[in-house]
Amino acid sequence: MNRYYTADRRQEKTISVMNLILIILIILMIAAGFLFYFRYQKLGEGPVGTLSFALNKKPRFLFNIYGSKESLLKAPMAIYVTEKGLIYIANTEGHTVEVFNPTGSFAFSFGGYGVAPGKMSFPYGITEDSQGNILVAESGNGRIQVFTSDGRFIKVLADRENEKLGLQKPGPLYKDLKGRIYVGDLITHKVLVITETGTKLGSFTGVQYPHGITANEKGQVWVTEGGRNRIVLFDDTGKEITAIDKWGSDRPFSMVRGIAVNSRGEVFIPDTISSQIRVFDKERKYLFSFGSYGLENGRFVYPSGIFIDGKEKIYITDWGNNRIQVWGY
């Protein structure tokens, strides 16, 4: 009787130890879950959108756009995506604007080399006005043309002949929430601010080779300054607030080109020669980089333009590989 009683006691002790271990494991799992939650909430990476977005703050490669069978992309410089998802690409050395559906399938193109209205010479910047028309800056012809969303020529908005503007070689274009158009001039080293009818509102001067323009939620304007390899933040009057000239542990940029800001205020900058995208938070703290030099999917050769749509998809002009890369979460 005592022998069986002792065996039962041993069995009870074994079960108790197993239960204790199980309870400890459950507590550790709950604690790990809370730590995960609070860590990502602090980084602004809580349960937003999909689970993959919460688990990995770096975007992932989705697909490429190389052009159509009739017209492959040639050194694309800039890109713009409408709210409907139409993708407009400045096919710079092809002297056209190529347009694609949200899935990357070809829709149509317009332009073609020339100086006549509707023709193009090295299109660079692209944006959309408040009426849904497409604005295209031509660095070759020194003008900004306006087209309907389906590519029909409307008018020349600004050109070298307008002495009041002083426009010489327009590069990037950006429209803010107030309808103001920002134009980076690569010869006069300034950012012109004009209305949608072409009237000059002002300018940001002393910016060496402005290759990218965007704005944050406060209406402050970011400009990538290619001549000094830095990113400058201005208020809406053109007064410089601050600048970023390094990333990571005081590492200088190799060459800056385009710039984009996502819905969380994070700033994305193609570091062209290094073939990587640098990302900063809205407080200008370096977060991470993605991409590397190469020909494979997810690798770049001189990335230049960048655009982020309302669904957090990231469109990057992979200039050296003659393609557009689309990234997401």
Protein backbone atom coordinates (compact mmCIF):
# COMPACT_ATOMS: atom_id res chain seq x y z
CA MET A 1 0.00 0.00 0.00
CA ASN A 2 2.79 2.41 0.87
CA ARG A 3 4.64 1.51 -2.34
CA TYR A 4 1.63 2.46 -4.48
CA TYR A 5 1.06 5.61 -2.48
CA THR A 6 4.68 6.65 -3.06
CA ALA A 7 4.34 5.99 -6.79
CA ASP A 8 1.20 8.12 -6.93
CA ARG A 9 2.99 10.94 -5.12
CA ARG A 10 5.85 10.79 -7.61
CA GLN A 11 3.39 10.91 -10.48
CA GLU A 12 1.64 13.92 -8.94
CA LYS A 13 5.00 15.72 -8.52
CA THR A 14 5.86 14.97 -12.18
CA ILE A 15 2.51 16.36 -13.34
CA SER A 16 2.96 19.44 -11.13
CA VAL A 17 6.42 20.13 -12.58
CA MET A 18 5.07 19.77 -16.13
CA ASN A 19 2.19 22.13 -15.34
CA LEU A 20 4.64 24.64 -13.86
CA ILE A 21 6.82 24.47 -16.98
CA LEU A 22 3.74 24.91 -19.18
CA ILE A 23 2.60 27.94 -17.15
CA ILE A 24 6.09 29.49 -17.41
CA LEU A 25 6.11 28.95 -21.19
CA ILE A 26 2.69 30.59 -21.52
CA ILE A 27 3.83 33.58 -19.43
CA LEU A 28 6.97 33.95 -21.59
CA MET A 29 4.91 33.82 -24.77
CA ILE A 30 2.52 36.49 -23.45
CA ALA A 31 5.44 38.67 -22.35
CA ALA A 32 7.10 38.28 -25.75
CA GLY A 33 3.84 39.28 -27.42
CA PHE A 34 3.60 42.45 -25.33
CA LEU A 35 7.24 43.31 -26.01
CA PHE A 36 6.69 42.83 -29.73
CA TYR A 37 3.58 45.00 -29.67
CA PHE A 38 5.10 47.88 -27.71
CA ARG A 39 8.33 47.78 -29.70
CA TYR A 40 6.57 48.15 -33.01
CA GLN A 41 4.10 50.68 -31.67
CA LYS A 42 7.07 52.80 -30.64
CA LEU A 43 8.53 52.52 -34.14
CA GLY A 44 5.21 53.37 -35.73
CA GLU A 45 4.83 49.81 -36.99
CA GLY A 46 1.75 48.64 -35.18
CA PRO A 47 -1.08 46.71 -36.81
CA VAL A 48 -1.41 48.96 -39.86
CA GLY A 49 -2.61 47.40 -43.10
CA THR A 50 -1.43 43.82 -43.45
CA LEU A 51 0.44 41.57 -41.06
CA SER A 52 3.52 41.61 -43.28
CA PHE A 53 3.68 45.40 -42.96
CA ALA A 54 3.77 45.06 -39.15
CA LEU A 55 6.36 42.29 -39.14
CA ASN A 56 8.83 43.86 -41.55
CA LYS A 57 9.32 47.59 -41.88
CA LYS A 58 11.42 47.18 -45.02
CA PRO A 59 9.47 46.95 -48.26
CA ARG A 60 9.81 43.97 -50.58
CA PHE A 61 10.19 43.80 -54.34
CA LEU A 62 6.92 43.19 -56.22
CA PHE A 63 7.45 43.48 -59.98
CA ASN A 64 9.24 45.29 -62.83
CA ILE A 65 7.97 47.41 -65.71
CA TYR A 66 10.22 47.34 -68.78
CA GLY A 67 7.89 49.03 -71.25
CA SER A 68 5.76 47.70 -74.08
CA LYS A 69 6.62 45.47 -77.04
CA GLU A 70 6.63 48.54 -79.27
CA SER A 71 8.60 50.80 -76.91
CA LEU A 72 10.97 49.62 -74.21
CA LEU A 73 11.92 52.13 -71.53
CA LYS A 74 15.14 54.06 -72.10
CA ALA A 75 16.75 55.71 -69.07
CA PRO A 76 13.50 56.64 -67.25
CA MET A 77 13.98 59.56 -64.88
CA ALA A 78 10.68 60.21 -63.12
CA ILE A 79 7.33 58.62 -62.36
CA TYR A 80 3.89 59.70 -61.23
CA VAL A 81 0.92 57.55 -60.18
CA THR A 82 -2.65 58.87 -60.15
CA GLU A 83 -5.31 58.05 -57.56
CA LYS A 84 -6.81 55.61 -60.07
CA GLY A 85 -3.47 53.81 -60.23
CA LEU A 86 -2.37 54.85 -63.72
CA ILE A 87 1.43 54.91 -63.87
CA TYR A 88 3.01 57.74 -65.91
CA ILE A 89 6.71 57.30 -66.69
CA ALA A 90 9.08 59.90 -68.13
CA ASN A 91 10.80 57.75 -70.76
CA THR A 92 13.62 60.26 -70.93
CA GLU A 93 15.86 58.98 -73.72
CA GLY A 94 12.84 57.63 -75.60
CA HIS A 95 11.31 61.15 -75.57
CA THR A 96 7.87 59.86 -74.60
CA VAL A 97 5.63 59.40 -71.60
CA GLU A 98 4.70 55.73 -71.21
CA VAL A 99 1.53 54.92 -69.29
CA PHE A 100 0.72 51.63 -67.55
CA ASN A 101 -2.17 50.13 -65.62
CA PRO A 102 -1.84 49.38 -61.87
CA THR A 103 -0.78 45.80 -62.63
CA GLY A 104 2.05 47.00 -64.87
CA SER A 105 0.38 46.22 -68.19
CA PHE A 106 0.86 48.76 -70.98
CA ALA A 107 -1.96 51.29 -71.52
CA PHE A 108 -0.73 53.93 -73.99
CA SER A 109 2.04 56.46 -74.65
CA PHE A 110 2.30 60.01 -75.94
CA GLY A 111 4.93 62.49 -77.04
CA GLY A 112 7.76 61.53 -79.36
CA TYR A 113 10.92 63.46 -80.20
CA GLY A 114 10.50 67.02 -81.47
CA VAL A 115 9.98 70.67 -80.62
CA ALA A 116 6.41 71.07 -81.88
CA PRO A 117 3.63 71.29 -79.29
CA GLY A 118 2.88 67.81 -77.99
CA LYS A 119 6.34 66.52 -78.90
CA MET A 120 9.13 66.13 -76.34
CA SER A 121 12.87 66.32 -75.80
CA PHE A 122 14.18 64.51 -72.74
CA PRO A 123 11.07 64.57 -70.53
CA TYR A 124 11.97 64.63 -66.85
CA GLY A 125 9.43 65.67 -64.23
CA ILE A 126 5.78 64.58 -64.19
CA THR A 127 2.90 65.64 -61.98
CA GLU A 128 -0.87 66.17 -62.10
CA ASP A 129 -2.83 69.39 -61.73
CA SER A 130 -6.09 69.82 -59.82
CA GLN A 131 -8.10 69.08 -63.00
CA GLY A 132 -6.43 65.72 -63.53
CA ASN A 133 -4.26 66.95 -66.40
CA ILE A 134 -0.69 65.70 -66.70
CA LEU A 135 2.22 68.18 -66.57
CA VAL A 136 5.50 67.16 -68.21
CA ALA A 137 8.78 69.06 -67.83
CA GLU A 138 11.20 68.74 -70.75
CA SER A 139 14.81 69.40 -69.93
CA GLY A 140 15.68 69.37 -73.65
CA ASN A 141 13.08 71.88 -74.84
CA GLY A 142 13.14 73.94 -71.65
CA ARG A 143 9.39 73.94 -71.15
CA ILE A 144 6.46 72.45 -69.26
CA GLN A 145 3.57 71.06 -71.30
CA VAL A 146 0.06 70.14 -70.19
CA PHE A 147 -1.75 67.07 -71.49
CA THR A 148 -5.09 65.45 -70.78
CA SER A 149 -4.94 62.25 -68.76
CA ASP A 150 -5.19 60.27 -72.02
CA GLY A 151 -2.22 62.10 -73.55
CA ARG A 152 -3.80 64.81 -75.73
CA PHE A 153 -1.84 68.08 -75.85
CA ILE A 154 -3.54 71.08 -74.20
CA LYS A 155 -0.97 73.86 -73.91
CA VAL A 156 2.55 74.96 -73.01
CA LEU A 157 2.41 76.12 -69.39
CA ALA A 158 5.90 77.65 -69.17
CA ASP A 159 8.99 77.90 -71.34
CA ARG A 160 12.28 79.73 -71.88
CA GLU A 161 10.53 82.55 -73.73
CA ASN A 162 8.80 83.71 -70.55
CA GLU A 163 11.34 86.14 -69.10
CA LYS A 164 9.27 86.69 -65.96
CA LEU A 165 9.77 83.05 -64.98
CA GLY A 166 13.41 82.75 -66.02
CA LEU A 167 12.95 79.05 -66.70
CA GLN A 168 15.91 77.38 -68.45
CA LYS A 169 16.14 73.62 -67.89
CA PRO A 170 13.22 72.20 -65.89
CA GLY A 171 13.79 68.89 -64.16
CA PRO A 172 11.56 67.61 -61.33
CA LEU A 173 7.95 68.68 -60.85
CA TYR A 174 5.80 68.54 -57.73
CA LYS A 175 2.31 69.82 -56.89
CA ASP A 176 1.42 70.50 -53.26
CA LEU A 177 -2.01 70.29 -51.62
CA LYS A 178 -2.62 73.98 -52.33
CA GLY A 179 -2.16 73.48 -56.06
CA ARG A 180 1.23 75.18 -56.24
CA ILE A 181 3.63 73.71 -58.80
CA TYR A 182 7.30 73.39 -57.83
CA VAL A 183 9.83 73.21 -60.68
CA GLY A 184 13.50 72.36 -60.19
CA ASP A 185 15.65 74.30 -62.68
CA LEU A 186 18.94 72.51 -63.36
CA ILE A 187 20.69 75.52 -64.92
CA THR A 188 19.62 78.44 -62.73
CA HIS A 189 19.91 76.27 -59.56
CA LYS A 190 16.60 77.25 -58.07
CA VAL A 191 13.13 75.89 -57.43
CA LEU A 192 10.42 77.94 -59.11
CA VAL A 193 6.97 78.05 -57.55
CA ILE A 194 4.17 78.73 -60.03
CA THR A 195 0.39 78.49 -60.24
CA GLU A 196 -1.45 76.01 -62.43
CA THR A 197 -1.86 78.83 -64.96
CA GLY A 198 1.89 79.52 -65.09
CA THR A 199 2.09 82.64 -62.90
CA LYS A 200 5.23 82.90 -60.78
CA LEU A 201 4.66 82.87 -57.02
CA GLY A 202 8.27 82.81 -55.86
CA SER A 203 11.42 80.71 -55.85
CA PHE A 204 13.91 78.88 -53.63
CA THR A 205 17.36 80.06 -54.68
CA GLY A 206 20.88 78.73 -54.20
CA VAL A 207 19.95 75.06 -54.63
CA GLN A 208 22.63 73.31 -56.65
CA TYR A 209 21.03 70.94 -59.15
CA PRO A 210 17.62 70.31 -57.57
CA HIS A 211 16.73 66.80 -58.79
CA GLY A 212 13.84 65.91 -56.48
CA ILE A 213 11.02 67.79 -54.74
CA THR A 214 8.30 66.73 -52.32
CA ALA A 215 6.54 68.03 -49.20
CA ASN A 216 5.64 66.68 -45.77
CA GLU A 217 2.36 66.84 -43.86
CA LYS A 218 3.27 70.29 -42.50
CA GLY A 219 3.62 71.74 -45.99
CA GLN A 220 7.40 72.02 -45.62
CA VAL A 221 9.25 71.31 -48.85
CA TRP A 222 12.05 68.76 -49.28
CA VAL A 223 14.53 69.30 -52.13
CA THR A 224 17.37 66.94 -53.07
CA GLU A 225 20.41 69.02 -53.91
CA GLY A 226 22.56 67.04 -56.34
CA GLY A 227 25.40 69.56 -56.37
CA ARG A 228 26.07 69.20 -52.64
CA ASN A 229 24.63 65.69 -52.18
CA ARG A 230 22.23 66.66 -49.45
CA ILE A 231 18.49 66.94 -48.79
CA VAL A 232 17.27 70.39 -47.78
CA LEU A 233 14.05 71.15 -45.90
CA PHE A 234 12.45 74.55 -46.60
CA ASP A 235 9.39 76.27 -45.20
CA ASP A 236 6.78 77.30 -47.76
CA THR A 237 8.41 80.73 -48.17
CA GLY A 238 11.72 79.24 -49.30
CA LYS A 239 13.60 79.67 -46.02
CA GLU A 240 15.95 76.79 -45.26
CA ILE A 241 15.06 74.93 -42.05
CA THR A 242 17.59 72.11 -41.98
CA ALA A 243 19.48 69.68 -44.20
CA ILE A 244 20.57 66.03 -44.24
CA ASP A 245 23.93 65.27 -45.80
CA LYS A 246 24.70 61.90 -44.20
CA TRP A 247 23.00 58.62 -43.41
CA GLY A 248 23.79 55.83 -40.95
CA SER A 249 26.97 56.42 -38.97
CA ASP A 250 27.89 59.73 -40.61
CA ARG A 251 28.16 58.24 -44.09
CA PRO A 252 27.82 60.75 -46.95
CA PHE A 253 25.42 60.19 -49.81
CA SER A 254 26.97 59.07 -53.09
CA MET A 255 24.59 61.11 -55.27
CA VAL A 256 21.02 62.11 -54.48
CA ARG A 257 18.28 62.32 -57.08
CA GLY A 258 14.55 61.84 -56.40
CA ILE A 259 12.67 61.99 -53.10
CA ALA A 260 9.29 60.83 -51.77
CA VAL A 261 7.43 60.87 -48.46
CA ASN A 262 4.98 58.17 -47.36
CA SER A 263 1.82 58.52 -45.25
CA ARG A 264 3.81 58.19 -42.02
CA GLY A 265 6.14 61.02 -42.96
CA GLU A 266 9.09 58.73 -43.71
CA VAL A 267 11.46 60.13 -46.35
CA PHE A 268 12.74 57.85 -49.15
CA ILE A 269 15.84 58.95 -51.10
CA PRO A 270 17.53 57.15 -54.01
CA ASP A 271 21.28 57.23 -53.30
CA THR A 272 22.10 56.86 -56.97
CA ILE A 273 25.71 55.73 -57.31
CA SER A 274 25.47 53.35 -54.36
CA SER A 275 22.26 51.97 -55.93
CA GLN A 276 20.36 51.92 -52.66
CA ILE A 277 17.30 53.65 -51.22
CA ARG A 278 17.89 55.46 -47.90
CA VAL A 279 14.96 55.89 -45.53
CA PHE A 280 14.56 58.42 -42.69
CA ASP A 281 11.70 58.91 -40.24
CA LYS A 282 9.76 62.18 -40.09
CA GLU A 283 12.15 63.45 -37.40
CA ARG A 284 15.00 62.97 -39.90
CA LYS A 285 16.49 59.97 -38.09
CA TYR A 286 18.02 57.33 -40.37
CA LEU A 287 16.01 54.09 -40.34
CA PHE A 288 17.30 51.67 -42.97
CA SER A 289 18.32 51.14 -46.59
CA PHE A 290 17.15 48.65 -49.18
CA GLY A 291 18.35 47.44 -52.57
CA SER A 292 21.88 47.02 -53.88
CA TYR A 293 23.81 47.22 -57.15
CA GLY A 294 22.91 44.62 -59.77
CA LEU A 295 20.70 43.46 -62.61
CA GLU A 296 18.47 41.04 -60.71
CA ASN A 297 15.02 41.78 -59.30
CA GLY A 298 15.34 44.04 -56.27
CA ARG A 299 18.73 45.39 -57.35
CA PHE A 300 19.39 48.74 -58.98
CA VAL A 301 21.74 50.48 -61.36
CA TYR A 302 21.53 54.23 -60.67
CA PRO A 303 18.01 54.59 -59.24
CA SER A 304 16.78 58.13 -59.81
CA GLY A 305 13.09 58.95 -59.47
CA ILE A 306 10.73 57.67 -56.78
CA PHE A 307 7.01 57.92 -56.05
CA ILE A 308 4.86 56.48 -53.24
CA ASP A 309 1.13 56.05 -53.85
CA GLY A 310 -1.76 56.04 -51.38
CA LYS A 311 -1.45 52.27 -50.89
CA GLU A 312 2.20 52.58 -49.82
CA LYS A 313 3.48 51.08 -53.07
CA ILE A 314 6.90 52.45 -53.95
CA TYR A 315 7.76 53.08 -57.62
CA ILE A 316 11.46 53.55 -58.42
CA THR A 317 12.98 54.48 -61.77
CA ASP A 318 15.86 52.04 -62.19
CA TRP A 319 17.64 54.30 -64.69
CA GLY A 320 20.62 52.08 -65.52
CA ASN A 321 18.48 48.95 -65.93
CA ASN A 322 15.91 50.75 -68.12
CA ARG A 323 12.98 49.72 -65.97
CA ILE A 324 10.64 50.67 -63.13
CA GLN A 325 10.73 48.63 -59.96
CA VAL A 326 7.59 48.42 -57.81
CA TRP A 327 7.97 47.63 -54.12
CA GLY A 328 5.40 47.18 -51.35
CA TYR A 329 4.61 45.58 -47.99
